[in-house]
């Protein structure tokens, strides 16, 4: 499925747009910390974050798993997390990472998730 097809399916007409408070909750930060940042100030970034959250909510069973995925360090980004990339204005890179996660077979998505070792230690 292409990005456009997935976006139409997960974010099409009639799909509620997450509020900044909902986005903050998924990211695991306070609403105040994102209320006046470049992350939400630019419309295309907000659309990218909305799409990313929709994709990850389709992959994972709860927002806690989405949050762990967003916070996990990524080797391909020199140890930065998806959240770090969002703060740096690189929403497109996070969208692509989420798309790869969505396309991964369900049986391997949780087993090989980069944050799986964190959950095992808790």
C-alpha atoms as a PDB file:
ATOM      1  CA  UNK A   1       0.000   0.000   0.000  1.00  0.00           C
ATOM      2  CA  UNK A   2       1.353   3.424  -0.878  1.00  0.00           C
ATOM      3  CA  UNK A   3       1.574   6.313   1.544  1.00  0.00           C
ATOM      4  CA  UNK A   4      -1.314   8.078  -0.177  1.00  0.00           C
ATOM      5  CA  UNK A   5      -3.528   4.984   0.018  1.00  0.00           C
ATOM      6  CA  UNK A   6      -2.675   4.417   3.672  1.00  0.00           C
ATOM      7  CA  UNK A   7      -3.274   8.070   4.504  1.00  0.00           C
ATOM      8  CA  UNK A   8      -6.665   8.002   2.755  1.00  0.00           C
ATOM      9  CA  UNK A   9      -7.599   4.861   4.670  1.00  0.00           C
ATOM     10  CA  UNK A  10      -6.393   5.978   8.119  1.00  0.00           C
ATOM     11  CA  UNK A  11      -6.860   9.763   7.884  1.00  0.00           C
ATOM     12  CA  UNK A  12      -9.608  10.185   5.288  1.00  0.00           C
ATOM     13  CA  UNK A  13     -12.744  12.252   5.455  1.00  0.00           C
ATOM     14  CA  UNK A  14     -14.628  11.828   8.685  1.00  0.00           C
ATOM     15  CA  UNK A  15     -11.549  10.797  10.646  1.00  0.00           C
ATOM     16  CA  UNK A  16     -11.113  13.050  13.671  1.00  0.00           C
ATOM     17  CA  UNK A  17      -8.001  15.222  13.632  1.00  0.00           C
ATOM     18  CA  UNK A  18      -6.043  14.787  16.869  1.00  0.00           C
ATOM     19  CA  UNK A  19      -5.838  17.910  18.959  1.00  0.00           C
ATOM     20  CA  UNK A  20      -2.474  19.221  20.157  1.00  0.00           C
ATOM     21  CA  UNK A  21      -3.367  17.787  23.593  1.00  0.00           C
ATOM     22  CA  UNK A  22      -3.931  14.336  22.071  1.00  0.00           C
ATOM     23  CA  UNK A  23      -0.660  14.559  20.147  1.00  0.00           C
ATOM     24  CA  UNK A  24       1.135  15.544  23.355  1.00  0.00           C
ATOM     25  CA  UNK A  25      -0.399  12.573  25.163  1.00  0.00           C
ATOM     26  CA  UNK A  26       0.778  10.142  22.491  1.00  0.00           C
ATOM     27  CA  UNK A  27       4.251  11.682  22.531  1.00  0.00           C
ATOM     28  CA  UNK A  28       4.246  11.480  26.310  1.00  0.00           C
ATOM     29  CA  UNK A  29       4.884  15.166  26.886  1.00  0.00           C
ATOM     30  CA  UNK A  30       2.853  18.001  28.359  1.00  0.00           C
ATOM     31  CA  UNK A  31       0.582  20.016  26.108  1.00  0.00           C
ATOM     32  CA  UNK A  32       2.471  23.146  27.116  1.00  0.00           C
ATOM     33  CA  UNK A  33       5.741  21.702  25.838  1.00  0.00           C
ATOM     34  CA  UNK A  34       4.411  21.521  22.274  1.00  0.00           C
ATOM     35  CA  UNK A  35       1.871  24.342  22.261  1.00  0.00           C
ATOM     36  CA  UNK A  36       4.305  26.815  20.695  1.00  0.00           C
ATOM     37  CA  UNK A  37       6.912  24.724  18.921  1.00  0.00           C
ATOM     38  CA  UNK A  38       7.837  24.362  15.292  1.00  0.00           C
ATOM     39  CA  UNK A  39       6.459  20.815  15.497  1.00  0.00           C
ATOM     40  CA  UNK A  40       2.882  22.093  15.514  1.00  0.00           C
ATOM     41  CA  UNK A  41       3.363  25.547  14.036  1.00  0.00           C
ATOM     42  CA  UNK A  42       3.728  24.338  10.456  1.00  0.00           C
ATOM     43  CA  UNK A  43       0.629  22.749   8.910  1.00  0.00           C
ATOM     44  CA  UNK A  44       2.464  20.111   6.857  1.00  0.00           C
ATOM     45  CA  UNK A  45       4.302  18.933   9.967  1.00  0.00           C
ATOM     46  CA  UNK A  46       1.017  18.594  11.839  1.00  0.00           C
ATOM     47  CA  UNK A  47      -0.378  16.535   8.959  1.00  0.00           C
ATOM     48  CA  UNK A  48       2.761  14.367   9.086  1.00  0.00           C
ATOM     49  CA  UNK A  49       2.448  13.856  12.831  1.00  0.00           C
ATOM     50  CA  UNK A  50      -1.256  13.045  12.443  1.00  0.00           C
ATOM     51  CA  UNK A  51      -0.431  10.478   9.760  1.00  0.00           C
ATOM     52  CA  UNK A  52       2.406   8.981  11.809  1.00  0.00           C
ATOM     53  CA  UNK A  53       0.192   8.595  14.878  1.00  0.00           C
ATOM     54  CA  UNK A  54      -2.594   7.030  12.790  1.00  0.00           C
ATOM     55  CA  UNK A  55      -0.156   4.521  11.255  1.00  0.00           C
ATOM     56  CA  UNK A  56       1.374   3.608  14.608  1.00  0.00           C
ATOM     57  CA  UNK A  57      -2.039   3.249  16.255  1.00  0.00           C
ATOM     58  CA  UNK A  58      -2.896   0.788  13.492  1.00  0.00           C
ATOM     59  CA  UNK A  59       0.299  -1.195  14.185  1.00  0.00           C
ATOM     60  CA  UNK A  60       0.307  -1.203  17.982  1.00  0.00           C
ATOM     61  CA  UNK A  61      -2.465  -2.025  20.422  1.00  0.00           C
ATOM     62  CA  UNK A  62      -2.177   1.040  22.669  1.00  0.00           C
ATOM     63  CA  UNK A  63      -0.662   4.500  22.935  1.00  0.00           C
ATOM     64  CA  UNK A  64       1.932   3.237  25.422  1.00  0.00           C
ATOM     65  CA  UNK A  65       3.414   1.014  22.715  1.00  0.00           C
ATOM     66  CA  UNK A  66       3.265   3.925  20.253  1.00  0.00           C
ATOM     67  CA  UNK A  67       5.087   6.126  22.767  1.00  0.00           C
ATOM     68  CA  UNK A  68       7.795   3.481  23.324  1.00  0.00           C
ATOM     69  CA  UNK A  69       8.270   3.175  19.571  1.00  0.00           C
ATOM     70  CA  UNK A  70       8.566   6.958  19.219  1.00  0.00           C
ATOM     71  CA  UNK A  71      11.115   7.185  22.052  1.00  0.00           C
ATOM     72  CA  UNK A  72      13.340   4.247  21.027  1.00  0.00           C
ATOM     73  CA  UNK A  73      16.837   5.211  19.824  1.00  0.00           C
ATOM     74  CA  UNK A  74      17.353   4.423  16.134  1.00  0.00           C
ATOM     75  CA  UNK A  75      20.684   3.246  14.764  1.00  0.00           C
ATOM     76  CA  UNK A  76      19.811   4.641  11.334  1.00  0.00           C
ATOM     77  CA  UNK A  77      19.543   8.102  12.907  1.00  0.00           C
ATOM     78  CA  UNK A  78      22.725   7.947  15.002  1.00  0.00           C
ATOM     79  CA  UNK A  79      20.849   7.006  18.156  1.00  0.00           C
ATOM     80  CA  UNK A  80      18.170   9.664  17.857  1.00  0.00           C
ATOM     81  CA  UNK A  81      14.564   8.660  18.471  1.00  0.00           C
ATOM     82  CA  UNK A  82      11.577   9.380  16.239  1.00  0.00           C
ATOM     83  CA  UNK A  83      10.531  11.968  18.821  1.00  0.00           C
ATOM     84  CA  UNK A  84      13.938  13.666  18.488  1.00  0.00           C
ATOM     85  CA  UNK A  85      13.414  13.808  14.735  1.00  0.00           C
ATOM     86  CA  UNK A  86       9.940  15.318  15.169  1.00  0.00           C
ATOM     87  CA  UNK A  87      11.356  18.059  17.418  1.00  0.00           C
ATOM     88  CA  UNK A  88      14.002  18.722  14.758  1.00  0.00           C
ATOM     89  CA  UNK A  89      11.297  19.210  12.121  1.00  0.00           C
ATOM     90  CA  UNK A  90      11.987  15.935  10.316  1.00  0.00           C
ATOM     91  CA  UNK A  91       8.407  14.644  10.308  1.00  0.00           C
ATOM     92  CA  UNK A  92       8.846  13.103   6.851  1.00  0.00           C
ATOM     93  CA  UNK A  93      11.643  10.809   8.080  1.00  0.00           C
ATOM     94  CA  UNK A  94       9.399   9.652  10.949  1.00  0.00           C
ATOM     95  CA  UNK A  95       6.510   9.068   8.535  1.00  0.00           C
ATOM     96  CA  UNK A  96       8.746   6.832   6.417  1.00  0.00           C
ATOM     97  CA  UNK A  97       9.916   4.939   9.503  1.00  0.00           C
ATOM     98  CA  UNK A  98       6.296   4.422  10.614  1.00  0.00           C
ATOM     99  CA  UNK A  99       5.385   3.202   7.117  1.00  0.00           C
ATOM    100  CA  UNK A 100       8.175   0.618   7.279  1.00  0.00           C
ATOM    101  CA  UNK A 101       6.813  -0.522  10.654  1.00  0.00           C
ATOM    102  CA  UNK A 102       3.304  -0.778   9.196  1.00  0.00           C
ATOM    103  CA  UNK A 103       4.549  -2.915   6.291  1.00  0.00           C
ATOM    104  CA  UNK A 104       6.483  -5.263   8.581  1.00  0.00           C
ATOM    105  CA  UNK A 105       4.699  -8.594   9.146  1.00  0.00           C
ATOM    106  CA  UNK A 106       2.704  -8.513  12.387  1.00  0.00           C
ATOM    107  CA  UNK A 107       4.555 -11.472  13.866  1.00  0.00           C
ATOM    108  CA  UNK A 108       7.881  -9.644  13.663  1.00  0.00           C
ATOM    109  CA  UNK A 109       6.759  -6.098  14.455  1.00  0.00           C
ATOM    110  CA  UNK A 110       6.674  -6.599  18.210  1.00  0.00           C
ATOM    111  CA  UNK A 111       9.453  -9.209  18.408  1.00  0.00           C
ATOM    112  CA  UNK A 112      12.028  -7.100  16.635  1.00  0.00           C
ATOM    113  CA  UNK A 113      10.866  -3.660  17.716  1.00  0.00           C
ATOM    114  CA  UNK A 114      13.833  -1.529  18.742  1.00  0.00           C
ATOM    115  CA  UNK A 115      12.245  -0.902  22.155  1.00  0.00           C
ATOM    116  CA  UNK A 116      11.471  -4.584  22.896  1.00  0.00           C
ATOM    117  CA  UNK A 117      14.538  -4.893  25.125  1.00  0.00           C
ATOM    118  CA  UNK A 118      13.296  -1.955  27.208  1.00  0.00           C
ATOM    119  CA  UNK A 119       9.945  -3.619  27.876  1.00  0.00           C
ATOM    120  CA  UNK A 120      11.715  -6.848  28.821  1.00  0.00           C
ATOM    121  CA  UNK A 121      13.696  -5.063  31.554  1.00  0.00           C
ATOM    122  CA  UNK A 122      10.680  -3.412  33.161  1.00  0.00           C
END
